[in-house]
């Protein structure tokens, strides 16, 4: 699989044309998301039907492209294209396993009873 330790993880909401490969996706990272595709980051893209995810990252001396296609069901993918989301490695694994972390209960912190 791909590295997650010490990597920032970014998810591009909305749909991405899955015909794009490394060059096209790295241009989206740089031009649309205003991020550095050569940074120690993982970039996630999803298609319109939310059945394909592509993950792009730079590994020392070249780009790596990872893809997963579901034969049944869909990924919990945000449809609005408001802005890029930064995820934790735990949230990345939840998406790949079909769990929608956006619907989980938020942690509440109180200072007094």
PDB file of N, CA and C in Angstrom:
ATOM      1  N   UNK A   1       0.840  -1.184   0.000  1.00  0.00           N
ATOM      2  CA  UNK A   1       0.000   0.000   0.000  1.00  0.00           C
ATOM      3  C   UNK A   1       0.883   1.244   0.000  1.00  0.00           C
ATOM      4  N   UNK A   2       0.312   2.396   0.166  1.00  0.00           N
ATOM      5  CA  UNK A   2       1.043   3.654   0.115  1.00  0.00           C
ATOM      6  C   UNK A   2       1.418   4.111   1.520  1.00  0.00           C
ATOM      7  N   UNK A   3       2.411   4.996   1.630  1.00  0.00           N
ATOM      8  CA  UNK A   3       2.856   5.454   2.951  1.00  0.00           C
ATOM      9  C   UNK A   3       1.863   6.439   3.546  1.00  0.00           C
ATOM     10  N   UNK A   4       1.655   6.370   4.852  1.00  0.00           N
ATOM     11  CA  UNK A   4       0.795   7.356   5.510  1.00  0.00           C
ATOM     12  C   UNK A   4       1.513   8.042   6.666  1.00  0.00           C
ATOM     13  N   UNK A   5       2.544   7.408   7.204  1.00  0.00           N
ATOM     14  CA  UNK A   5       3.272   8.013   8.305  1.00  0.00           C
ATOM     15  C   UNK A   5       3.988   9.265   7.829  1.00  0.00           C
ATOM     16  N   UNK A   6       3.838  10.346   8.580  1.00  0.00           N
ATOM     17  CA  UNK A   6       4.466  11.627   8.282  1.00  0.00           C
ATOM     18  C   UNK A   6       4.005  12.245   6.961  1.00  0.00           C
ATOM     19  N   UNK A   7       2.883  11.799   6.421  1.00  0.00           N
ATOM     20  CA  UNK A   7       2.320  12.372   5.209  1.00  0.00           C
ATOM     21  C   UNK A   7       1.050  13.125   5.569  1.00  0.00           C
ATOM     22  N   UNK A   8       0.830  14.245   4.901  1.00  0.00           N
ATOM     23  CA  UNK A   8      -0.460  14.926   5.009  1.00  0.00           C
ATOM     24  C   UNK A   8      -1.375  14.289   3.968  1.00  0.00           C
ATOM     25  N   UNK A   9      -2.651  14.204   4.271  1.00  0.00           N
ATOM     26  CA  UNK A   9      -3.610  13.536   3.390  1.00  0.00           C
ATOM     27  C   UNK A   9      -4.683  14.542   2.998  1.00  0.00           C
ATOM     28  N   UNK A  10      -4.860  14.724   1.692  1.00  0.00           N
ATOM     29  CA  UNK A  10      -5.836  15.672   1.178  1.00  0.00           C
ATOM     30  C   UNK A  10      -6.843  14.950   0.288  1.00  0.00           C
ATOM     31  N   UNK A  11      -8.104  15.295   0.455  1.00  0.00           N
ATOM     32  CA  UNK A  11      -9.178  14.729  -0.350  1.00  0.00           C
ATOM     33  C   UNK A  11      -9.788  15.857  -1.171  1.00  0.00           C
ATOM     34  N   UNK A  12      -9.895  15.645  -2.474  1.00  0.00           N
ATOM     35  CA  UNK A  12     -10.560  16.625  -3.337  1.00  0.00           C
ATOM     36  C   UNK A  12     -12.026  16.225  -3.435  1.00  0.00           C
ATOM     37  N   UNK A  13     -12.923  17.019  -2.842  1.00  0.00           N
ATOM     38  CA  UNK A  13     -14.350  16.688  -2.918  1.00  0.00           C
ATOM     39  C   UNK A  13     -14.872  16.806  -4.345  1.00  0.00           C
ATOM     40  N   UNK A  14     -16.055  16.276  -4.568  1.00  0.00           N
ATOM     41  CA  UNK A  14     -16.662  16.349  -5.885  1.00  0.00           C
ATOM     42  C   UNK A  14     -16.099  15.290  -6.815  1.00  0.00           C
ATOM     43  N   UNK A  15     -16.396  15.433  -8.070  1.00  0.00           N
ATOM     44  CA  UNK A  15     -15.972  14.419  -9.038  1.00  0.00           C
ATOM     45  C   UNK A  15     -14.709  14.835  -9.784  1.00  0.00           C
ATOM     46  N   UNK A  16     -13.923  13.838 -10.104  1.00  0.00           N
ATOM     47  CA  UNK A  16     -12.713  14.021 -10.903  1.00  0.00           C
ATOM     48  C   UNK A  16     -12.794  13.066 -12.078  1.00  0.00           C
ATOM     49  N   UNK A  17     -12.369  13.519 -13.230  1.00  0.00           N
ATOM     50  CA  UNK A  17     -12.347  12.681 -14.424  1.00  0.00           C
ATOM     51  C   UNK A  17     -11.298  11.588 -14.219  1.00  0.00           C
ATOM     52  N   UNK A  18     -11.733  10.347 -14.116  1.00  0.00           N
ATOM     53  CA  UNK A  18     -10.822   9.230 -13.837  1.00  0.00           C
ATOM     54  C   UNK A  18     -10.003   8.812 -15.051  1.00  0.00           C
ATOM     55  N   UNK A  19     -10.202   9.478 -16.179  1.00  0.00           N
ATOM     56  CA  UNK A  19      -9.311   9.230 -17.322  1.00  0.00           C
ATOM     57  C   UNK A  19      -7.963   9.899 -17.095  1.00  0.00           C
ATOM     58  N   UNK A  20      -7.918  10.829 -16.151  1.00  0.00           N
ATOM     59  CA  UNK A  20      -6.664  11.518 -15.841  1.00  0.00           C
ATOM     60  C   UNK A  20      -5.720  10.551 -15.134  1.00  0.00           C
ATOM     61  N   UNK A  21      -4.466  10.694 -15.476  1.00  0.00           N
ATOM     62  CA  UNK A  21      -3.434   9.870 -14.848  1.00  0.00           C
ATOM     63  C   UNK A  21      -2.522  10.799 -14.044  1.00  0.00           C
ATOM     64  N   UNK A  22      -1.281  10.421 -13.888  1.00  0.00           N
ATOM     65  CA  UNK A  22      -0.360  11.159 -13.034  1.00  0.00           C
ATOM     66  C   UNK A  22      -0.229  12.624 -13.444  1.00  0.00           C
ATOM     67  N   UNK A  23      -0.002  12.898 -14.713  1.00  0.00           N
ATOM     68  CA  UNK A  23       0.189  14.283 -15.152  1.00  0.00           C
ATOM     69  C   UNK A  23      -1.045  15.129 -14.910  1.00  0.00           C
ATOM     70  N   UNK A  24      -2.212  14.637 -15.289  1.00  0.00           N
ATOM     71  CA  UNK A  24      -3.450  15.390 -15.118  1.00  0.00           C
ATOM     72  C   UNK A  24      -3.804  15.605 -13.662  1.00  0.00           C
ATOM     73  N   UNK A  25      -3.628  14.584 -12.833  1.00  0.00           N
ATOM     74  CA  UNK A  25      -3.951  14.714 -11.412  1.00  0.00           C
ATOM     75  C   UNK A  25      -2.972  15.647 -10.698  1.00  0.00           C
ATOM     76  N   UNK A  26      -1.692  15.570 -11.057  1.00  0.00           N
ATOM     77  CA  UNK A  26      -0.720  16.473 -10.423  1.00  0.00           C
ATOM     78  C   UNK A  26      -0.985  17.922 -10.826  1.00  0.00           C
ATOM     79  N   UNK A  27      -1.502  18.155 -12.032  1.00  0.00           N
ATOM     80  CA  UNK A  27      -1.877  19.508 -12.435  1.00  0.00           C
ATOM     81  C   UNK A  27      -3.073  20.006 -11.629  1.00  0.00           C
ATOM     82  N   UNK A  28      -4.033  19.119 -11.324  1.00  0.00           N
ATOM     83  CA  UNK A  28      -5.170  19.488 -10.470  1.00  0.00           C
ATOM     84  C   UNK A  28      -4.660  19.891  -9.087  1.00  0.00           C
ATOM     85  N   UNK A  29      -3.732  19.111  -8.545  1.00  0.00           N
ATOM     86  CA  UNK A  29      -3.175  19.412  -7.222  1.00  0.00           C
ATOM     87  C   UNK A  29      -2.544  20.796  -7.227  1.00  0.00           C
ATOM     88  N   UNK A  30      -1.749  21.072  -8.236  1.00  0.00           N
ATOM     89  CA  UNK A  30      -1.011  22.339  -8.282  1.00  0.00           C
ATOM     90  C   UNK A  30      -1.909  23.510  -8.654  1.00  0.00           C
ATOM     91  N   UNK A  31      -2.736  23.376  -9.680  1.00  0.00           N
ATOM     92  CA  UNK A  31      -3.491  24.517 -10.204  1.00  0.00           C
ATOM     93  C   UNK A  31      -4.834  24.740  -9.519  1.00  0.00           C
ATOM     94  N   UNK A  32      -5.587  23.683  -9.245  1.00  0.00           N
ATOM     95  CA  UNK A  32      -6.911  23.848  -8.651  1.00  0.00           C
ATOM     96  C   UNK A  32      -6.876  23.861  -7.123  1.00  0.00           C
ATOM     97  N   UNK A  33      -6.043  22.997  -6.543  1.00  0.00           N
ATOM     98  CA  UNK A  33      -5.993  22.907  -5.086  1.00  0.00           C
ATOM     99  C   UNK A  33      -4.931  23.823  -4.473  1.00  0.00           C
ATOM    100  N   UNK A  34      -4.074  24.385  -5.311  1.00  0.00           N
ATOM    101  CA  UNK A  34      -2.976  25.269  -4.874  1.00  0.00           C
ATOM    102  C   UNK A  34      -2.086  24.580  -3.838  1.00  0.00           C
ATOM    103  N   UNK A  35      -1.800  23.312  -4.084  1.00  0.00           N
ATOM    104  CA  UNK A  35      -0.909  22.539  -3.217  1.00  0.00           C
ATOM    105  C   UNK A  35       0.280  22.053  -4.033  1.00  0.00           C
ATOM    106  N   UNK A  36       1.317  21.627  -3.347  1.00  0.00           N
ATOM    107  CA  UNK A  36       2.538  21.161  -4.002  1.00  0.00           C
ATOM    108  C   UNK A  36       2.471  19.656  -4.202  1.00  0.00           C
ATOM    109  N   UNK A  37       2.385  19.179  -5.441  1.00  0.00           N
ATOM    110  CA  UNK A  37       2.307  17.733  -5.673  1.00  0.00           C
ATOM    111  C   UNK A  37       3.582  16.989  -5.289  1.00  0.00           C
ATOM    112  N   UNK A  38       4.695  17.705  -5.104  1.00  0.00           N
ATOM    113  CA  UNK A  38       5.958  17.077  -4.723  1.00  0.00           C
ATOM    114  C   UNK A  38       6.157  17.031  -3.209  1.00  0.00           C
ATOM    115  N   UNK A  39       5.212  17.577  -2.470  1.00  0.00           N
ATOM    116  CA  UNK A  39       5.329  17.593  -1.006  1.00  0.00           C
ATOM    117  C   UNK A  39       5.070  16.194  -0.455  1.00  0.00           C
ATOM    118  N   UNK A  40       5.323  16.041   0.805  1.00  0.00           N
ATOM    119  CA  UNK A  40       5.099  14.753   1.468  1.00  0.00           C
ATOM    120  C   UNK A  40       3.609  14.651   1.800  1.00  0.00           C
ATOM    121  N   UNK A  41       2.806  14.497   0.732  1.00  0.00           N
ATOM    122  CA  UNK A  41       1.351  14.492   0.865  1.00  0.00           C
ATOM    123  C   UNK A  41       0.738  13.422  -0.020  1.00  0.00           C
ATOM    124  N   UNK A  42      -0.428  12.980   0.397  1.00  0.00           N
ATOM    125  CA  UNK A  42      -1.241  12.029  -0.360  1.00  0.00           C
ATOM    126  C   UNK A  42      -2.470  12.792  -0.831  1.00  0.00           C
ATOM    127  N   UNK A  43      -2.811  12.662  -2.110  1.00  0.00           N
ATOM    128  CA  UNK A  43      -3.951  13.365  -2.694  1.00  0.00           C
ATOM    129  C   UNK A  43      -4.966  12.342  -3.197  1.00  0.00           C
ATOM    130  N   UNK A  44      -6.218  12.487  -2.741  1.00  0.00           N
ATOM    131  CA  UNK A  44      -7.279  11.536  -3.084  1.00  0.00           C
ATOM    132  C   UNK A  44      -8.283  12.178  -4.029  1.00  0.00           C
ATOM    133  N   UNK A  45      -8.705  11.411  -5.030  1.00  0.00           N
ATOM    134  CA  UNK A  45      -9.672  11.859  -6.021  1.00  0.00           C
ATOM    135  C   UNK A  45     -10.735  10.778  -6.188  1.00  0.00           C
ATOM    136  N   UNK A  46     -11.982  11.189  -6.421  1.00  0.00           N
ATOM    137  CA  UNK A  46     -13.063  10.233  -6.627  1.00  0.00           C
ATOM    138  C   UNK A  46     -13.850  10.551  -7.882  1.00  0.00           C
ATOM    139  N   UNK A  47     -14.488   9.534  -8.448  1.00  0.00           N
ATOM    140  CA  UNK A  47     -15.267   9.759  -9.664  1.00  0.00           C
ATOM    141  C   UNK A  47     -16.719  10.115  -9.329  1.00  0.00           C
ATOM    142  N   UNK A  48     -17.499  10.387 -10.361  1.00  0.00           N
ATOM    143  CA  UNK A  48     -18.884  10.840 -10.210  1.00  0.00           C
ATOM    144  C   UNK A  48     -19.744   9.834  -9.480  1.00  0.00           C
ATOM    145  N   UNK A  49     -19.582   8.555  -9.769  1.00  0.00           N
ATOM    146  CA  UNK A  49     -20.406   7.515  -9.155  1.00  0.00           C
ATOM    147  C   UNK A  49     -19.884   7.055  -7.797  1.00  0.00           C
ATOM    148  N   UNK A  50     -18.749   7.568  -7.376  1.00  0.00           N
ATOM    149  CA  UNK A  50     -18.115   7.220  -6.091  1.00  0.00           C
ATOM    150  C   UNK A  50     -17.796   5.732  -5.991  1.00  0.00           C
ATOM    151  N   UNK A  51     -17.367   5.149  -7.101  1.00  0.00           N
ATOM    152  CA  UNK A  51     -16.948   3.746  -7.090  1.00  0.00           C
ATOM    153  C   UNK A  51     -15.455   3.593  -7.370  1.00  0.00           C
ATOM    154  N   UNK A  52     -14.802   4.696  -7.750  1.00  0.00           N
ATOM    155  CA  UNK A  52     -13.358   4.665  -8.018  1.00  0.00           C
ATOM    156  C   UNK A  52     -12.678   5.763  -7.207  1.00  0.00           C
ATOM    157  N   UNK A  53     -11.581   5.398  -6.572  1.00  0.00           N
ATOM    158  CA  UNK A  53     -10.714   6.364  -5.888  1.00  0.00           C
ATOM    159  C   UNK A  53      -9.316   6.222  -6.480  1.00  0.00           C
ATOM    160  N   UNK A  54      -8.702   7.359  -6.768  1.00  0.00           N
ATOM    161  CA  UNK A  54      -7.295   7.377  -7.159  1.00  0.00           C
ATOM    162  C   UNK A  54      -6.535   8.162  -6.101  1.00  0.00           C
ATOM    163  N   UNK A  55      -5.355   7.660  -5.774  1.00  0.00           N
ATOM    164  CA  UNK A  55      -4.495   8.300  -4.786  1.00  0.00           C
ATOM    165  C   UNK A  55      -3.138   8.559  -5.434  1.00  0.00           C
ATOM    166  N   UNK A  56      -2.711   9.811  -5.359  1.00  0.00           N
ATOM    167  CA  UNK A  56      -1.458  10.248  -5.966  1.00  0.00           C
ATOM    168  C   UNK A  56      -0.514  10.725  -4.877  1.00  0.00           C
ATOM    169  N   UNK A  57       0.751  10.348  -4.970  1.00  0.00           N
ATOM    170  CA  UNK A  57       1.756  10.869  -4.044  1.00  0.00           C
ATOM    171  C   UNK A  57       3.129  10.784  -4.686  1.00  0.00           C
ATOM    172  N   UNK A  58       4.034  11.655  -4.211  1.00  0.00           N
ATOM    173  CA  UNK A  58       5.419  11.687  -4.670  1.00  0.00           C
ATOM    174  C   UNK A  58       6.243  10.807  -3.747  1.00  0.00           C
ATOM    175  N   UNK A  59       7.034   9.909  -4.334  1.00  0.00           N
ATOM    176  CA  UNK A  59       7.861   8.994  -3.544  1.00  0.00           C
ATOM    177  C   UNK A  59       9.319   9.136  -3.963  1.00  0.00           C
ATOM    178  N   UNK A  60      10.075   9.966  -3.261  1.00  0.00           N
ATOM    179  CA  UNK A  60      11.506  10.209  -3.441  1.00  0.00           C
ATOM    180  C   UNK A  60      11.908  10.653  -4.843  1.00  0.00           C
ATOM    181  N   UNK A  61      11.640   9.839  -5.866  1.00  0.00           N
ATOM    182  CA  UNK A  61      12.124  10.172  -7.207  1.00  0.00           C
ATOM    183  C   UNK A  61      11.080   9.958  -8.298  1.00  0.00           C
ATOM    184  N   UNK A  62       9.824   9.874  -7.924  1.00  0.00           N
ATOM    185  CA  UNK A  62       8.778   9.714  -8.919  1.00  0.00           C
ATOM    186  C   UNK A  62       7.394   9.667  -8.284  1.00  0.00           C
ATOM    187  N   UNK A  63       6.386   9.906  -9.118  1.00  0.00           N
ATOM    188  CA  UNK A  63       5.008   9.847  -8.645  1.00  0.00           C
ATOM    189  C   UNK A  63       4.527   8.406  -8.579  1.00  0.00           C
ATOM    190  N   UNK A  64       3.642   8.146  -7.628  1.00  0.00           N
ATOM    191  CA  UNK A  64       2.960   6.857  -7.515  1.00  0.00           C
ATOM    192  C   UNK A  64       1.468   7.115  -7.640  1.00  0.00           C
ATOM    193  N   UNK A  65       0.781   6.234  -8.338  1.00  0.00           N
ATOM    194  CA  UNK A  65      -0.656   6.349  -8.506  1.00  0.00           C
ATOM    195  C   UNK A  65      -1.293   5.035  -8.096  1.00  0.00           C
ATOM    196  N   UNK A  66      -2.206   5.114  -7.157  1.00  0.00           N
ATOM    197  CA  UNK A  66      -2.891   3.948  -6.606  1.00  0.00           C
ATOM    198  C   UNK A  66      -4.367   4.102  -6.920  1.00  0.00           C
ATOM    199  N   UNK A  67      -5.027   3.014  -7.301  1.00  0.00           N
ATOM    200  CA  UNK A  67      -6.452   3.076  -7.641  1.00  0.00           C
ATOM    201  C   UNK A  67      -7.202   1.924  -7.000  1.00  0.00           C
ATOM    202  N   UNK A  68      -8.426   2.216  -6.551  1.00  0.00           N
ATOM    203  CA  UNK A  68      -9.312   1.171  -6.047  1.00  0.00           C
ATOM    204  C   UNK A  68     -10.665   1.368  -6.696  1.00  0.00           C
ATOM    205  N   UNK A  69     -11.231   0.282  -7.235  1.00  0.00           N
ATOM    206  CA  UNK A  69     -12.553   0.319  -7.850  1.00  0.00           C
ATOM    207  C   UNK A  69     -13.446  -0.675  -7.138  1.00  0.00           C
ATOM    208  N   UNK A  70     -14.596  -0.212  -6.700  1.00  0.00           N
ATOM    209  CA  UNK A  70     -15.552  -1.088  -6.033  1.00  0.00           C
ATOM    210  C   UNK A  70     -16.441  -1.773  -7.063  1.00  0.00           C
ATOM    211  N   UNK A  71     -16.691  -3.024  -6.865  1.00  0.00           N
ATOM    212  CA  UNK A  71     -17.579  -3.768  -7.751  1.00  0.00           C
ATOM    213  C   UNK A  71     -19.029  -3.661  -7.280  1.00  0.00           C
ATOM    214  N   UNK A  72     -19.198  -3.349  -6.007  1.00  0.00           N
ATOM    215  CA  UNK A  72     -20.523  -3.191  -5.425  1.00  0.00           C
ATOM    216  C   UNK A  72     -20.404  -2.109  -4.352  1.00  0.00           C
ATOM    217  N   UNK A  73     -21.458  -1.377  -4.110  1.00  0.00           N
ATOM    218  CA  UNK A  73     -21.471  -0.288  -3.128  1.00  0.00           C
ATOM    219  C   UNK A  73     -20.745   0.946  -3.653  1.00  0.00           C
ATOM    220  N   UNK A  74     -20.617   1.946  -2.789  1.00  0.00           N
ATOM    221  CA  UNK A  74     -19.979   3.218  -3.144  1.00  0.00           C
ATOM    222  C   UNK A  74     -19.117   3.700  -1.976  1.00  0.00           C
ATOM    223  N   UNK A  75     -18.139   4.531  -2.315  1.00  0.00           N
ATOM    224  CA  UNK A  75     -17.335   5.173  -1.284  1.00  0.00           C
ATOM    225  C   UNK A  75     -18.130   6.338  -0.695  1.00  0.00           C
ATOM    226  N   UNK A  76     -17.958   6.641   0.589  1.00  0.00           N
ATOM    227  CA  UNK A  76     -18.596   7.814   1.175  1.00  0.00           C
ATOM    228  C   UNK A  76     -17.827   9.066   0.738  1.00  0.00           C
ATOM    229  N   UNK A  77     -18.192   9.631  -0.400  1.00  0.00           N
ATOM    230  CA  UNK A  77     -17.414  10.705  -0.993  1.00  0.00           C
ATOM    231  C   UNK A  77     -18.187  12.011  -0.939  1.00  0.00           C
ATOM    232  N   UNK A  78     -17.593  13.096  -0.436  1.00  0.00           N
ATOM    233  CA  UNK A  78     -18.289  14.388  -0.401  1.00  0.00           C
ATOM    234  C   UNK A  78     -18.528  14.915  -1.813  1.00  0.00           C
ATOM    235  N   UNK A  79     -19.765  15.274  -2.097  1.00  0.00           N
ATOM    236  CA  UNK A  79     -20.134  15.703  -3.447  1.00  0.00           C
ATOM    237  C   UNK A  79     -19.869  17.186  -3.699  1.00  0.00           C
ATOM    238  N   UNK A  80     -19.933  18.002  -2.646  1.00  0.00           N
ATOM    239  CA  UNK A  80     -19.720  19.435  -2.838  1.00  0.00           C
ATOM    240  C   UNK A  80     -18.235  19.705  -3.092  1.00  0.00           C
ATOM    241  N   UNK A  81     -17.997  20.666  -3.950  1.00  0.00           N
ATOM    242  CA  UNK A  81     -16.614  20.987  -4.307  1.00  0.00           C
ATOM    243  C   UNK A  81     -16.168  22.281  -3.634  1.00  0.00           C
ATOM    244  N   UNK A  82     -16.563  22.455  -2.383  1.00  0.00           N
ATOM    245  CA  UNK A  82     -16.261  23.692  -1.671  1.00  0.00           C
ATOM    246  C   UNK A  82     -14.755  23.889  -1.535  1.00  0.00           C
ATOM    247  N   UNK A  83     -14.074  22.969  -0.905  1.00  0.00           N
ATOM    248  CA  UNK A  83     -12.630  23.095  -0.739  1.00  0.00           C
ATOM    249  C   UNK A  83     -12.041  21.727  -0.438  1.00  0.00           C
ATOM    250  N   UNK A  84     -10.740  21.656  -0.563  1.00  0.00           N
ATOM    251  CA  UNK A  84     -10.040  20.409  -0.277  1.00  0.00           C
ATOM    252  C   UNK A  84     -10.130  20.134   1.222  1.00  0.00           C
ATOM    253  N   UNK A  85     -10.228  18.858   1.576  1.00  0.00           N
ATOM    254  CA  UNK A  85     -10.312  18.468   2.979  1.00  0.00           C
ATOM    255  C   UNK A  85      -9.010  17.793   3.380  1.00  0.00           C
ATOM    256  N   UNK A  86      -8.503  18.130   4.556  1.00  0.00           N
ATOM    257  CA  UNK A  86      -7.330  17.424   5.075  1.00  0.00           C
ATOM    258  C   UNK A  86      -7.821  16.346   6.030  1.00  0.00           C
ATOM    259  N   UNK A  87      -7.339  15.126   5.842  1.00  0.00           N
ATOM    260  CA  UNK A  87      -7.782  13.968   6.609  1.00  0.00           C
ATOM    261  C   UNK A  87      -6.667  13.432   7.485  1.00  0.00           C
ATOM    262  N   UNK A  88      -7.064  12.639   8.452  1.00  0.00           N
ATOM    263  CA  UNK A  88      -6.109  11.873   9.239  1.00  0.00           C
ATOM    264  C   UNK A  88      -5.934  10.521   8.562  1.00  0.00           C
ATOM    265  N   UNK A  89      -4.914   9.780   8.940  1.00  0.00           N
ATOM    266  CA  UNK A  89      -4.726   8.440   8.367  1.00  0.00           C
ATOM    267  C   UNK A  89      -5.886   7.532   8.755  1.00  0.00           C
ATOM    268  N   UNK A  90      -6.453   7.766   9.932  1.00  0.00           N
ATOM    269  CA  UNK A  90      -7.608   6.978  10.370  1.00  0.00           C
ATOM    270  C   UNK A  90      -8.814   7.247   9.460  1.00  0.00           C
ATOM    271  N   UNK A  91      -9.054   8.504   9.112  1.00  0.00           N
ATOM    272  CA  UNK A  91     -10.160   8.848   8.222  1.00  0.00           C
ATOM    273  C   UNK A  91      -9.941   8.288   6.823  1.00  0.00           C
ATOM    274  N   UNK A  92      -8.703   8.274   6.361  1.00  0.00           N
ATOM    275  CA  UNK A  92      -8.382   7.661   5.073  1.00  0.00           C
ATOM    276  C   UNK A  92      -8.789   6.194   5.074  1.00  0.00           C
ATOM    277  N   UNK A  93      -8.417   5.471   6.107  1.00  0.00           N
ATOM    278  CA  UNK A  93      -8.782   4.054   6.199  1.00  0.00           C
ATOM    279  C   UNK A  93     -10.281   3.869   6.290  1.00  0.00           C
ATOM    280  N   UNK A  94     -10.971   4.764   6.997  1.00  0.00           N
ATOM    281  CA  UNK A  94     -12.430   4.670   7.085  1.00  0.00           C
ATOM    282  C   UNK A  94     -13.059   4.805   5.700  1.00  0.00           C
ATOM    283  N   UNK A  95     -12.607   5.780   4.913  1.00  0.00           N
ATOM    284  CA  UNK A  95     -13.161   5.957   3.563  1.00  0.00           C
ATOM    285  C   UNK A  95     -12.929   4.703   2.729  1.00  0.00           C
ATOM    286  N   UNK A  96     -11.708   4.179   2.763  1.00  0.00           N
ATOM    287  CA  UNK A  96     -11.405   2.986   1.970  1.00  0.00           C
ATOM    288  C   UNK A  96     -12.224   1.783   2.413  1.00  0.00           C
ATOM    289  N   UNK A  97     -12.671   1.787   3.676  1.00  0.00           N
ATOM    290  CA  UNK A  97     -13.500   0.699   4.195  1.00  0.00           C
ATOM    291  C   UNK A  97     -14.991   1.020   4.152  1.00  0.00           C
ATOM    292  N   UNK A  98     -15.358   2.173   3.558  1.00  0.00           N
ATOM    293  CA  UNK A  98     -16.760   2.501   3.371  1.00  0.00           C
ATOM    294  C   UNK A  98     -17.447   3.178   4.532  1.00  0.00           C
ATOM    295  N   UNK A  99     -16.690   3.677   5.499  1.00  0.00           N
ATOM    296  CA  UNK A  99     -17.275   4.337   6.666  1.00  0.00           C
ATOM    297  C   UNK A  99     -17.248   5.850   6.440  1.00  0.00           C
ATOM    298  N   UNK A 100     -18.400   6.493   6.591  1.00  0.00           N
ATOM    299  CA  UNK A 100     -18.503   7.932   6.382  1.00  0.00           C
ATOM    300  C   UNK A 100     -18.192   8.661   7.681  1.00  0.00           C
ATOM    301  N   UNK A 101     -16.964   9.127   7.826  1.00  0.00           N
ATOM    302  CA  UNK A 101     -16.532   9.796   9.053  1.00  0.00           C
ATOM    303  C   UNK A 101     -17.223  11.136   9.236  1.00  0.00           C
ATOM    304  N   UNK A 102     -17.791  11.711   8.185  1.00  0.00           N
ATOM    305  CA  UNK A 102     -18.453  13.004   8.310  1.00  0.00           C
ATOM    306  C   UNK A 102     -19.734  12.910   9.124  1.00  0.00           C
ATOM    307  N   UNK A 103     -20.255  11.700   9.318  1.00  0.00           N
ATOM    308  CA  UNK A 103     -21.492  11.520  10.068  1.00  0.00           C
ATOM    309  C   UNK A 103     -21.248  11.032  11.492  1.00  0.00           C
ATOM    310  N   UNK A 104     -19.997  10.894  11.879  1.00  0.00           N
ATOM    311  CA  UNK A 104     -19.706  10.396  13.223  1.00  0.00           C
ATOM    312  C   UNK A 104     -19.959  11.483  14.261  1.00  0.00           C
ATOM    313  N   UNK A 105     -20.160  11.076  15.484  1.00  0.00           N
ATOM    314  CA  UNK A 105     -20.375  12.023  16.571  1.00  0.00           C
ATOM    315  C   UNK A 105     -19.087  12.794  16.831  1.00  0.00           C
ATOM    316  N   UNK A 106     -19.219  14.065  16.983  1.00  0.00           N
ATOM    317  CA  UNK A 106     -18.059  14.905  17.256  1.00  0.00           C
ATOM    318  C   UNK A 106     -17.696  14.829  18.743  1.00  0.00           C
ATOM    319  N   UNK A 107     -16.413  14.914  19.017  1.00  0.00           N
ATOM    320  CA  UNK A 107     -15.952  14.899  20.406  1.00  0.00           C
ATOM    321  C   UNK A 107     -16.287  16.246  21.038  1.00  0.00           C
ATOM    322  N   UNK A 108     -16.841  16.176  22.236  1.00  0.00           N
ATOM    323  CA  UNK A 108     -17.194  17.390  22.951  1.00  0.00           C
ATOM    324  C   UNK A 108     -16.241  17.553  24.126  1.00  0.00           C
ATOM    325  N   UNK A 109     -15.743  18.755  24.305  1.00  0.00           N
ATOM    326  CA  UNK A 109     -14.808  19.028  25.392  1.00  0.00           C
ATOM    327  C   UNK A 109     -15.398  20.123  26.273  1.00  0.00           C
ATOM    328  N   UNK A 110     -15.538  19.799  27.531  1.00  0.00           N
ATOM    329  CA  UNK A 110     -16.062  20.747  28.510  1.00  0.00           C
ATOM    330  C   UNK A 110     -14.981  21.071  29.536  1.00  0.00           C
ATOM    331  N   UNK A 111     -15.065  22.249  30.089  1.00  0.00           N
ATOM    332  CA  UNK A 111     -14.111  22.608  31.138  1.00  0.00           C
ATOM    333  C   UNK A 111     -14.773  22.636  32.516  1.00  0.00           C
ATOM    334  N   UNK A 112     -16.113  22.666  32.525  1.00  0.00           N
ATOM    335  CA  UNK A 112     -16.839  22.682  33.786  1.00  0.00           C
ATOM    336  C   UNK A 112     -18.107  21.844  33.656  1.00  0.00           C
ATOM    337  N   UNK A 113     -18.585  21.386  34.790  1.00  0.00           N
ATOM    338  CA  UNK A 113     -19.804  20.586  34.832  1.00  0.00           C
ATOM    339  C   UNK A 113     -21.013  21.499  34.795  1.00  0.00           C
TER     340      UNK A 113
END
